[in-house]
């Protein structure tokens, strides 16, 4: 039987080297190797003071990760979710939903953006994101800019946010 994945979160500057390596390794496995998309994964934003990392560990392995960036366009605080991926063997277990809910709980009512791979637009829409521009191609992969604004209308699918270390209910799934 597989153990429940533990939800973890860290500010960039508090992240230990081993964990950062494991997060980057998973991202490279999914985005560069699996999707056959060579792109500049190391973009200088992983260690910014306001960057937060969320991940799930299961049986001692990082199985899902996302990066939450804080942005300050025109003096207004907003967020950007990126680098969200799940290892191939861990897919279909609700991990993406769990991480999104945790990150969005931290975002609260602030605007949040994501450049979603086009095939994932419907999944992000379930978390309150709406298309915010025309489809574009980045590194050979179609994307749609999406935004989740403030207020109650942009809930996270009706579910409660999870505290770090709390298990998601079995219905959190897909």
N, C-alpha and C. Protein backbone atom coordinates (compact mmCIF):
# COMPACT_ATOMS: atom_id res chain seq x y z
N UNK A 1 0.84 -1.18 0.00
CA UNK A 1 0.00 0.00 0.00
C UNK A 1 0.89 1.25 0.00
N UNK A 2 0.54 2.22 -0.80
CA UNK A 2 1.31 3.45 -0.90
C UNK A 2 0.93 4.40 0.23
N UNK A 3 1.95 5.03 0.81
CA UNK A 3 1.72 5.99 1.88
C UNK A 3 1.11 7.27 1.32
N UNK A 4 0.39 8.00 2.18
CA UNK A 4 -0.16 9.29 1.79
C UNK A 4 0.99 10.25 1.57
N UNK A 5 0.88 11.05 0.53
CA UNK A 5 1.93 12.04 0.23
C UNK A 5 1.87 13.18 1.23
N UNK A 6 3.02 13.57 1.73
CA UNK A 6 3.13 14.66 2.69
C UNK A 6 3.27 15.98 1.93
N UNK A 7 2.44 16.95 2.28
CA UNK A 7 2.48 18.27 1.66
C UNK A 7 3.54 19.11 2.36
N UNK A 8 4.43 19.70 1.55
CA UNK A 8 5.52 20.51 2.09
C UNK A 8 5.50 21.88 1.41
N UNK A 9 6.02 22.88 2.12
CA UNK A 9 6.10 24.24 1.58
C UNK A 9 7.31 24.92 2.18
N UNK A 10 8.00 25.71 1.36
CA UNK A 10 9.17 26.42 1.86
C UNK A 10 9.37 27.70 1.08
N UNK A 11 9.81 28.74 1.80
CA UNK A 11 10.31 29.94 1.13
C UNK A 11 11.58 29.52 0.41
N UNK A 12 11.89 30.15 -0.69
CA UNK A 12 13.06 29.79 -1.48
C UNK A 12 14.34 29.78 -0.66
N UNK A 13 14.54 30.83 0.14
CA UNK A 13 15.79 30.94 0.89
C UNK A 13 15.91 29.95 2.04
N UNK A 14 14.81 29.31 2.42
CA UNK A 14 14.84 28.30 3.48
C UNK A 14 14.96 26.87 2.93
N UNK A 15 14.93 26.74 1.63
CA UNK A 15 14.97 25.43 0.98
C UNK A 15 16.38 24.85 1.05
N UNK A 16 16.49 23.62 1.52
CA UNK A 16 17.82 23.01 1.58
C UNK A 16 18.23 22.54 0.18
N UNK A 17 19.53 22.38 -0.01
CA UNK A 17 20.07 22.04 -1.33
C UNK A 17 19.51 20.73 -1.87
N UNK A 18 19.40 19.73 -1.03
CA UNK A 18 18.91 18.42 -1.47
C UNK A 18 17.48 18.52 -2.00
N UNK A 19 16.63 19.22 -1.28
CA UNK A 19 15.23 19.36 -1.71
C UNK A 19 15.15 20.17 -3.00
N UNK A 20 15.88 21.27 -3.07
CA UNK A 20 15.88 22.06 -4.31
C UNK A 20 16.31 21.20 -5.48
N UNK A 21 17.34 20.41 -5.30
CA UNK A 21 17.81 19.51 -6.36
C UNK A 21 16.71 18.55 -6.80
N UNK A 22 15.99 17.97 -5.83
CA UNK A 22 14.92 17.02 -6.15
C UNK A 22 13.77 17.70 -6.90
N UNK A 23 13.43 18.94 -6.51
CA UNK A 23 12.37 19.67 -7.21
C UNK A 23 12.79 19.95 -8.65
N UNK A 24 14.02 20.43 -8.83
CA UNK A 24 14.51 20.72 -10.17
C UNK A 24 14.63 19.45 -11.00
N UNK A 25 15.05 18.37 -10.38
CA UNK A 25 15.18 17.10 -11.08
C UNK A 25 13.82 16.63 -11.62
N UNK A 26 12.77 16.72 -10.81
CA UNK A 26 11.44 16.33 -11.26
C UNK A 26 10.98 17.23 -12.41
N UNK A 27 11.19 18.52 -12.29
CA UNK A 27 10.78 19.45 -13.35
C UNK A 27 11.51 19.13 -14.66
N UNK A 28 12.79 18.84 -14.59
CA UNK A 28 13.54 18.49 -15.80
C UNK A 28 13.03 17.17 -16.38
N UNK A 29 12.76 16.18 -15.52
CA UNK A 29 12.23 14.89 -16.00
C UNK A 29 10.94 15.08 -16.77
N UNK A 30 10.03 15.93 -16.25
CA UNK A 30 8.73 16.10 -16.89
C UNK A 30 8.81 17.05 -18.08
N UNK A 31 9.32 18.25 -17.87
CA UNK A 31 9.25 19.27 -18.92
C UNK A 31 10.30 19.10 -20.01
N UNK A 32 11.52 18.75 -19.65
CA UNK A 32 12.59 18.66 -20.64
C UNK A 32 12.64 17.27 -21.28
N UNK A 33 12.67 16.22 -20.45
CA UNK A 33 12.83 14.87 -20.98
C UNK A 33 11.51 14.32 -21.52
N UNK A 34 10.49 14.22 -20.67
CA UNK A 34 9.22 13.62 -21.08
C UNK A 34 8.53 14.40 -22.19
N UNK A 35 8.49 15.72 -22.07
CA UNK A 35 7.82 16.53 -23.09
C UNK A 35 8.77 16.91 -24.22
N UNK A 36 9.99 16.41 -24.17
CA UNK A 36 11.00 16.66 -25.21
C UNK A 36 11.08 18.14 -25.56
N UNK A 37 11.23 18.96 -24.52
CA UNK A 37 11.22 20.40 -24.70
C UNK A 37 12.44 21.02 -24.01
N UNK A 38 13.54 21.14 -24.75
CA UNK A 38 14.68 21.82 -24.14
C UNK A 38 14.38 23.31 -23.99
N UNK A 39 14.40 23.79 -22.77
CA UNK A 39 14.13 25.19 -22.48
C UNK A 39 14.97 25.58 -21.26
N UNK A 40 15.12 26.87 -21.00
CA UNK A 40 15.96 27.30 -19.87
C UNK A 40 15.24 27.11 -18.53
N UNK A 41 15.30 25.91 -17.99
CA UNK A 41 14.63 25.59 -16.72
C UNK A 41 15.16 26.47 -15.58
N UNK A 42 16.44 26.69 -15.55
CA UNK A 42 17.04 27.51 -14.49
C UNK A 42 16.97 28.97 -14.91
N UNK A 43 15.86 29.62 -14.51
CA UNK A 43 15.56 30.98 -14.97
C UNK A 43 15.88 32.06 -13.95
N UNK A 44 16.49 31.69 -12.83
CA UNK A 44 16.85 32.68 -11.82
C UNK A 44 15.75 33.05 -10.85
N UNK A 45 14.57 32.45 -10.99
CA UNK A 45 13.46 32.84 -10.12
C UNK A 45 13.22 31.87 -8.95
N UNK A 46 13.87 30.72 -8.98
CA UNK A 46 13.66 29.73 -7.91
C UNK A 46 14.17 30.18 -6.56
N UNK A 47 15.15 31.06 -6.52
CA UNK A 47 15.75 31.48 -5.26
C UNK A 47 15.46 32.93 -4.90
N UNK A 48 14.50 33.56 -5.59
CA UNK A 48 14.13 34.92 -5.22
C UNK A 48 13.52 34.92 -3.81
N UNK A 49 13.74 35.97 -3.07
CA UNK A 49 13.29 36.07 -1.68
C UNK A 49 11.81 35.76 -1.53
N UNK A 50 10.97 36.21 -2.44
CA UNK A 50 9.51 36.05 -2.30
C UNK A 50 8.97 34.77 -2.94
N UNK A 51 9.84 33.95 -3.51
CA UNK A 51 9.40 32.70 -4.14
C UNK A 51 9.11 31.65 -3.08
N UNK A 52 8.02 30.94 -3.31
CA UNK A 52 7.65 29.82 -2.43
C UNK A 52 7.59 28.56 -3.28
N UNK A 53 7.99 27.46 -2.68
CA UNK A 53 7.93 26.16 -3.34
C UNK A 53 6.98 25.27 -2.55
N UNK A 54 6.14 24.55 -3.27
CA UNK A 54 5.24 23.57 -2.68
C UNK A 54 5.58 22.22 -3.33
N UNK A 55 5.51 21.15 -2.56
CA UNK A 55 5.74 19.84 -3.15
C UNK A 55 5.11 18.78 -2.27
N UNK A 56 4.95 17.61 -2.88
CA UNK A 56 4.45 16.44 -2.17
C UNK A 56 5.55 15.38 -2.17
N UNK A 57 5.76 14.78 -1.03
CA UNK A 57 6.71 13.68 -0.91
C UNK A 57 5.94 12.41 -0.57
N UNK A 58 6.28 11.36 -1.28
CA UNK A 58 5.64 10.07 -1.04
C UNK A 58 6.73 9.01 -1.06
N UNK A 59 6.78 8.20 -0.01
CA UNK A 59 7.80 7.16 0.11
C UNK A 59 9.20 7.73 -0.10
N UNK A 60 9.47 8.92 0.44
CA UNK A 60 10.78 9.53 0.38
C UNK A 60 11.13 10.20 -0.94
N UNK A 61 10.18 10.29 -1.87
CA UNK A 61 10.44 10.88 -3.18
C UNK A 61 9.52 12.07 -3.43
N UNK A 62 10.04 13.11 -4.08
CA UNK A 62 9.21 14.22 -4.52
C UNK A 62 8.39 13.72 -5.71
N UNK A 63 7.06 13.79 -5.59
CA UNK A 63 6.20 13.28 -6.66
C UNK A 63 5.42 14.38 -7.38
N UNK A 64 5.39 15.58 -6.81
CA UNK A 64 4.65 16.68 -7.41
C UNK A 64 5.23 17.98 -6.87
N UNK A 65 5.29 19.01 -7.71
CA UNK A 65 5.83 20.28 -7.26
C UNK A 65 5.18 21.44 -7.99
N UNK A 66 5.21 22.61 -7.37
CA UNK A 66 4.85 23.85 -8.05
C UNK A 66 5.63 24.98 -7.41
N UNK A 67 5.77 26.04 -8.19
CA UNK A 67 6.48 27.24 -7.74
C UNK A 67 5.50 28.39 -7.73
N UNK A 68 5.46 29.12 -6.62
CA UNK A 68 4.59 30.29 -6.47
C UNK A 68 5.47 31.54 -6.41
N UNK A 69 5.31 32.38 -7.41
CA UNK A 69 6.07 33.63 -7.48
C UNK A 69 5.19 34.78 -7.04
N UNK A 70 5.80 35.72 -6.34
CA UNK A 70 5.10 36.95 -5.98
C UNK A 70 5.56 38.03 -6.96
N UNK A 71 4.60 38.77 -7.51
CA UNK A 71 4.91 39.82 -8.47
C UNK A 71 4.34 41.14 -7.97
N UNK A 72 4.92 42.24 -8.43
CA UNK A 72 4.50 43.56 -7.98
C UNK A 72 4.38 44.52 -9.16
N UNK A 73 3.53 44.18 -10.12
CA UNK A 73 3.32 45.05 -11.28
C UNK A 73 2.56 46.30 -10.84
N UNK A 74 3.04 47.45 -11.22
CA UNK A 74 2.39 48.72 -10.89
C UNK A 74 2.17 48.90 -9.39
N UNK A 75 3.02 48.28 -8.58
CA UNK A 75 2.90 48.44 -7.13
C UNK A 75 1.83 47.57 -6.50
N UNK A 76 1.14 46.76 -7.29
CA UNK A 76 0.09 45.87 -6.77
C UNK A 76 0.61 44.45 -6.67
N UNK A 77 0.38 43.83 -5.53
CA UNK A 77 0.84 42.46 -5.32
C UNK A 77 -0.06 41.48 -6.04
N UNK A 78 0.57 40.57 -6.78
CA UNK A 78 -0.12 39.47 -7.42
C UNK A 78 0.80 38.25 -7.38
N UNK A 79 0.30 37.14 -7.86
CA UNK A 79 1.06 35.90 -7.83
C UNK A 79 1.06 35.24 -9.19
N UNK A 80 2.03 34.35 -9.38
CA UNK A 80 2.11 33.54 -10.59
C UNK A 80 2.49 32.12 -10.18
N UNK A 81 1.68 31.18 -10.61
CA UNK A 81 1.97 29.77 -10.38
C UNK A 81 2.65 29.23 -11.63
N UNK A 82 3.69 28.46 -11.41
CA UNK A 82 4.40 27.87 -12.53
C UNK A 82 5.12 26.61 -12.12
N UNK A 83 5.67 25.97 -13.12
CA UNK A 83 6.48 24.77 -12.93
C UNK A 83 5.72 23.69 -12.16
N UNK A 84 4.42 23.59 -12.40
CA UNK A 84 3.59 22.57 -11.75
C UNK A 84 3.70 21.28 -12.54
N UNK A 85 4.17 20.24 -11.87
CA UNK A 85 4.27 18.93 -12.55
C UNK A 85 4.21 17.81 -11.53
N UNK A 86 3.85 16.64 -12.04
CA UNK A 86 3.73 15.43 -11.24
C UNK A 86 4.50 14.32 -11.95
N UNK A 87 5.20 13.51 -11.20
CA UNK A 87 5.93 12.39 -11.80
C UNK A 87 4.93 11.44 -12.46
N UNK A 88 5.36 10.80 -13.51
CA UNK A 88 4.48 9.91 -14.27
C UNK A 88 3.80 8.86 -13.40
N UNK A 89 4.53 8.12 -12.53
CA UNK A 89 3.87 7.09 -11.73
C UNK A 89 2.87 7.63 -10.71
N UNK A 90 2.97 8.91 -10.36
CA UNK A 90 2.10 9.49 -9.32
C UNK A 90 0.89 10.22 -9.89
N UNK A 91 0.72 10.22 -11.19
CA UNK A 91 -0.40 10.94 -11.78
C UNK A 91 -1.72 10.23 -11.53
N UNK A 92 -2.81 11.02 -11.53
CA UNK A 92 -4.14 10.46 -11.35
C UNK A 92 -4.50 10.21 -9.89
N UNK A 93 -3.73 10.76 -8.97
CA UNK A 93 -3.97 10.54 -7.54
C UNK A 93 -4.40 11.81 -6.81
N UNK A 94 -4.68 12.88 -7.57
CA UNK A 94 -5.15 14.12 -6.95
C UNK A 94 -4.05 15.04 -6.45
N UNK A 95 -2.80 14.74 -6.78
CA UNK A 95 -1.69 15.54 -6.28
C UNK A 95 -1.72 16.98 -6.80
N UNK A 96 -2.02 17.15 -8.07
CA UNK A 96 -2.08 18.50 -8.65
C UNK A 96 -3.13 19.33 -7.93
N UNK A 97 -4.29 18.77 -7.70
CA UNK A 97 -5.35 19.48 -6.99
C UNK A 97 -4.89 19.88 -5.60
N UNK A 98 -4.24 18.98 -4.92
CA UNK A 98 -3.77 19.27 -3.56
C UNK A 98 -2.79 20.43 -3.53
N UNK A 99 -1.82 20.42 -4.45
CA UNK A 99 -0.85 21.51 -4.46
C UNK A 99 -1.49 22.82 -4.87
N UNK A 100 -2.35 22.79 -5.88
CA UNK A 100 -3.03 24.02 -6.29
C UNK A 100 -3.84 24.61 -5.14
N UNK A 101 -4.56 23.78 -4.43
CA UNK A 101 -5.37 24.28 -3.30
C UNK A 101 -4.49 24.90 -2.23
N UNK A 102 -3.37 24.27 -1.94
CA UNK A 102 -2.47 24.82 -0.92
C UNK A 102 -1.91 26.17 -1.36
N UNK A 103 -1.47 26.25 -2.61
CA UNK A 103 -0.91 27.52 -3.10
C UNK A 103 -1.98 28.59 -3.17
N UNK A 104 -3.17 28.25 -3.64
CA UNK A 104 -4.24 29.24 -3.76
C UNK A 104 -4.74 29.69 -2.39
N UNK A 105 -4.64 28.84 -1.39
CA UNK A 105 -4.98 29.27 -0.03
C UNK A 105 -4.01 30.36 0.41
N UNK A 106 -2.78 30.25 0.03
CA UNK A 106 -1.79 31.27 0.38
C UNK A 106 -2.00 32.54 -0.43
N UNK A 107 -2.41 32.40 -1.67
CA UNK A 107 -2.68 33.55 -2.54
C UNK A 107 -3.87 34.35 -2.02
N UNK A 108 -4.86 33.65 -1.50
CA UNK A 108 -6.07 34.31 -1.01
C UNK A 108 -6.81 35.01 -2.13
N UNK A 109 -7.21 36.25 -1.90
CA UNK A 109 -7.98 37.01 -2.88
C UNK A 109 -7.12 37.76 -3.89
N UNK A 110 -5.82 37.69 -3.76
CA UNK A 110 -4.94 38.41 -4.69
C UNK A 110 -5.03 37.80 -6.09
N UNK A 111 -4.82 38.61 -7.11
CA UNK A 111 -4.80 38.07 -8.47
C UNK A 111 -3.68 37.04 -8.62
N UNK A 112 -3.94 36.02 -9.42
CA UNK A 112 -2.97 34.97 -9.65
C UNK A 112 -3.02 34.59 -11.12
N UNK A 113 -1.86 34.42 -11.73
CA UNK A 113 -1.78 34.08 -13.15
C UNK A 113 -1.06 32.76 -13.33
N UNK A 114 -1.33 32.15 -14.46
CA UNK A 114 -0.63 30.94 -14.86
C UNK A 114 -0.63 30.90 -16.38
N UNK A 115 0.45 30.44 -16.96
CA UNK A 115 0.49 30.15 -18.39
C UNK A 115 0.26 28.66 -18.51
N UNK A 116 -0.98 28.28 -18.79
CA UNK A 116 -1.37 26.88 -18.80
C UNK A 116 -1.10 26.24 -20.14
N UNK A 117 -0.54 25.03 -20.12
CA UNK A 117 -0.48 24.29 -21.36
C UNK A 117 -1.93 24.10 -21.80
N UNK A 118 -2.19 24.30 -23.08
CA UNK A 118 -3.56 24.37 -23.59
C UNK A 118 -4.41 23.17 -23.17
N UNK A 119 -3.85 21.99 -23.18
CA UNK A 119 -4.65 20.82 -22.84
C UNK A 119 -5.08 20.80 -21.36
N UNK A 120 -4.52 21.70 -20.54
CA UNK A 120 -4.86 21.75 -19.12
C UNK A 120 -5.79 22.91 -18.75
N UNK A 121 -6.27 23.67 -19.73
CA UNK A 121 -7.13 24.83 -19.46
C UNK A 121 -8.35 24.43 -18.65
N UNK A 122 -9.02 23.36 -19.01
CA UNK A 122 -10.23 22.94 -18.27
C UNK A 122 -9.91 22.56 -16.82
N UNK A 123 -8.77 21.94 -16.60
CA UNK A 123 -8.38 21.57 -15.24
C UNK A 123 -8.18 22.83 -14.40
N UNK A 124 -7.47 23.83 -14.94
CA UNK A 124 -7.25 25.06 -14.18
C UNK A 124 -8.55 25.83 -13.99
N UNK A 125 -9.46 25.75 -14.95
CA UNK A 125 -10.76 26.42 -14.81
C UNK A 125 -11.51 25.88 -13.59
N UNK A 126 -11.34 24.63 -13.26
CA UNK A 126 -11.98 24.04 -12.07
C UNK A 126 -11.47 24.69 -10.77
N UNK A 127 -10.35 25.38 -10.87
CA UNK A 127 -9.77 26.05 -9.70
C UNK A 127 -9.95 27.57 -9.78
N UNK A 128 -10.86 28.00 -10.65
CA UNK A 128 -11.20 29.42 -10.71
C UNK A 128 -10.42 30.24 -11.72
N UNK A 129 -9.54 29.63 -12.48
CA UNK A 129 -8.78 30.36 -13.49
C UNK A 129 -9.62 30.54 -14.75
N UNK A 130 -9.46 31.70 -15.38
CA UNK A 130 -10.16 31.99 -16.64
C UNK A 130 -9.14 32.45 -17.67
N UNK A 131 -9.37 32.09 -18.94
CA UNK A 131 -8.44 32.57 -19.98
C UNK A 131 -8.31 34.09 -19.93
N UNK A 132 -7.08 34.56 -20.13
CA UNK A 132 -6.78 35.98 -20.02
C UNK A 132 -5.89 36.41 -21.19
N UNK A 133 -6.27 35.99 -22.39
CA UNK A 133 -5.49 36.32 -23.57
C UNK A 133 -5.56 35.19 -24.58
N UNK A 134 -4.89 35.41 -25.68
CA UNK A 134 -4.90 34.45 -26.77
C UNK A 134 -3.87 33.34 -26.54
N UNK A 135 -4.16 32.18 -27.10
CA UNK A 135 -3.21 31.08 -27.06
C UNK A 135 -1.90 31.52 -27.71
N UNK A 136 -0.79 31.05 -27.15
CA UNK A 136 0.53 31.34 -27.71
C UNK A 136 1.38 30.07 -27.61
N UNK A 137 2.43 30.03 -28.39
CA UNK A 137 3.33 28.88 -28.37
C UNK A 137 4.61 29.30 -27.66
N UNK A 138 4.96 28.54 -26.63
CA UNK A 138 6.20 28.78 -25.90
C UNK A 138 7.01 27.49 -25.92
N UNK A 139 8.21 27.56 -26.42
CA UNK A 139 9.09 26.40 -26.50
C UNK A 139 8.42 25.23 -27.23
N UNK A 140 7.64 25.55 -28.26
CA UNK A 140 7.00 24.54 -29.08
C UNK A 140 5.72 23.95 -28.50
N UNK A 141 5.25 24.46 -27.37
CA UNK A 141 4.06 23.92 -26.70
C UNK A 141 3.00 25.01 -26.61
N UNK A 142 1.77 24.74 -27.08
CA UNK A 142 0.69 25.75 -26.97
C UNK A 142 0.31 26.00 -25.51
N UNK A 143 0.16 27.28 -25.17
CA UNK A 143 -0.21 27.73 -23.83
C UNK A 143 -1.34 28.75 -23.93
N UNK A 144 -2.07 28.89 -22.83
CA UNK A 144 -3.10 29.92 -22.72
C UNK A 144 -2.83 30.68 -21.42
N UNK A 145 -2.70 32.01 -21.49
CA UNK A 145 -2.56 32.77 -20.24
C UNK A 145 -3.89 32.73 -19.50
N UNK A 146 -3.83 32.48 -18.20
CA UNK A 146 -5.05 32.41 -17.39
C UNK A 146 -4.86 33.25 -16.14
N UNK A 147 -5.98 33.70 -15.61
CA UNK A 147 -5.96 34.55 -14.42
C UNK A 147 -7.08 34.13 -13.48
N UNK A 148 -6.78 34.23 -12.22
CA UNK A 148 -7.77 34.00 -11.16
C UNK A 148 -7.73 35.27 -10.32
N UNK A 149 -8.82 36.02 -10.35
CA UNK A 149 -8.84 37.30 -9.65
C UNK A 149 -9.33 37.16 -8.23
N UNK A 150 -9.54 38.32 -7.57
CA UNK A 150 -9.97 38.32 -6.18
C UNK A 150 -11.45 38.07 -6.02
N UNK A 151 -11.86 37.89 -4.78
CA UNK A 151 -13.28 37.74 -4.46
C UNK A 151 -13.73 36.30 -4.41
N UNK A 152 -14.90 36.11 -3.83
CA UNK A 152 -15.44 34.76 -3.61
C UNK A 152 -15.76 34.03 -4.90
N UNK A 153 -15.98 34.74 -6.00
CA UNK A 153 -16.32 34.10 -7.26
C UNK A 153 -15.18 33.25 -7.79
N UNK A 154 -14.00 33.43 -7.25
CA UNK A 154 -12.85 32.68 -7.74
C UNK A 154 -12.41 31.64 -6.74
N UNK A 155 -13.34 30.86 -6.22
CA UNK A 155 -13.02 29.83 -5.25
C UNK A 155 -12.17 28.73 -5.85
N UNK A 156 -11.79 27.78 -5.06
CA UNK A 156 -10.95 26.69 -5.53
C UNK A 156 -11.77 25.41 -5.64
N UNK A 157 -12.82 25.47 -6.42
CA UNK A 157 -13.61 24.29 -6.68
C UNK A 157 -14.49 23.88 -5.52
N UNK A 158 -14.73 24.78 -4.59
CA UNK A 158 -15.64 24.48 -3.49
C UNK A 158 -15.00 23.71 -2.35
N UNK A 159 -13.75 23.27 -2.51
CA UNK A 159 -13.12 22.50 -1.45
C UNK A 159 -12.36 23.41 -0.51
N UNK A 160 -12.10 22.90 0.64
CA UNK A 160 -11.32 23.66 1.61
C UNK A 160 -9.84 23.57 1.27
N UNK A 161 -9.10 24.57 1.63
CA UNK A 161 -7.65 24.52 1.45
C UNK A 161 -7.07 23.58 2.50
N UNK A 162 -5.89 23.05 2.23
CA UNK A 162 -5.26 22.12 3.15
C UNK A 162 -4.09 22.76 3.84
N UNK A 163 -3.91 22.43 5.08
CA UNK A 163 -2.73 22.86 5.81
C UNK A 163 -1.60 21.91 5.45
N UNK A 164 -0.39 22.39 5.55
CA UNK A 164 0.76 21.54 5.27
C UNK A 164 0.72 20.35 6.19
N UNK A 165 0.89 19.16 5.61
CA UNK A 165 0.88 17.92 6.37
C UNK A 165 -0.48 17.27 6.48
N UNK A 166 -1.54 17.95 6.09
CA UNK A 166 -2.88 17.38 6.17
C UNK A 166 -3.17 16.58 4.92
N UNK A 167 -3.77 15.44 5.05
CA UNK A 167 -4.10 14.60 3.90
C UNK A 167 -5.34 15.13 3.20
N UNK A 168 -5.33 15.04 1.88
CA UNK A 168 -6.49 15.44 1.09
C UNK A 168 -7.54 14.33 1.18
N UNK A 169 -8.82 14.69 1.17
CA UNK A 169 -9.85 13.66 1.14
C UNK A 169 -9.80 12.94 -0.19
N UNK A 170 -10.30 11.72 -0.23
CA UNK A 170 -10.23 10.92 -1.46
C UNK A 170 -10.98 11.57 -2.61
N UNK A 171 -11.94 12.44 -2.35
CA UNK A 171 -12.69 13.09 -3.42
C UNK A 171 -11.95 14.26 -4.03
N UNK A 172 -10.76 14.63 -3.49
CA UNK A 172 -10.00 15.76 -4.02
C UNK A 172 -9.48 15.48 -5.43
N UNK A 173 -9.36 14.23 -5.77
CA UNK A 173 -8.91 13.67 -7.03
C UNK A 173 -8.66 14.54 -8.21
N UNK A 174 -9.32 14.26 -9.29
CA UNK A 174 -8.93 14.78 -10.58
C UNK A 174 -9.64 16.03 -10.98
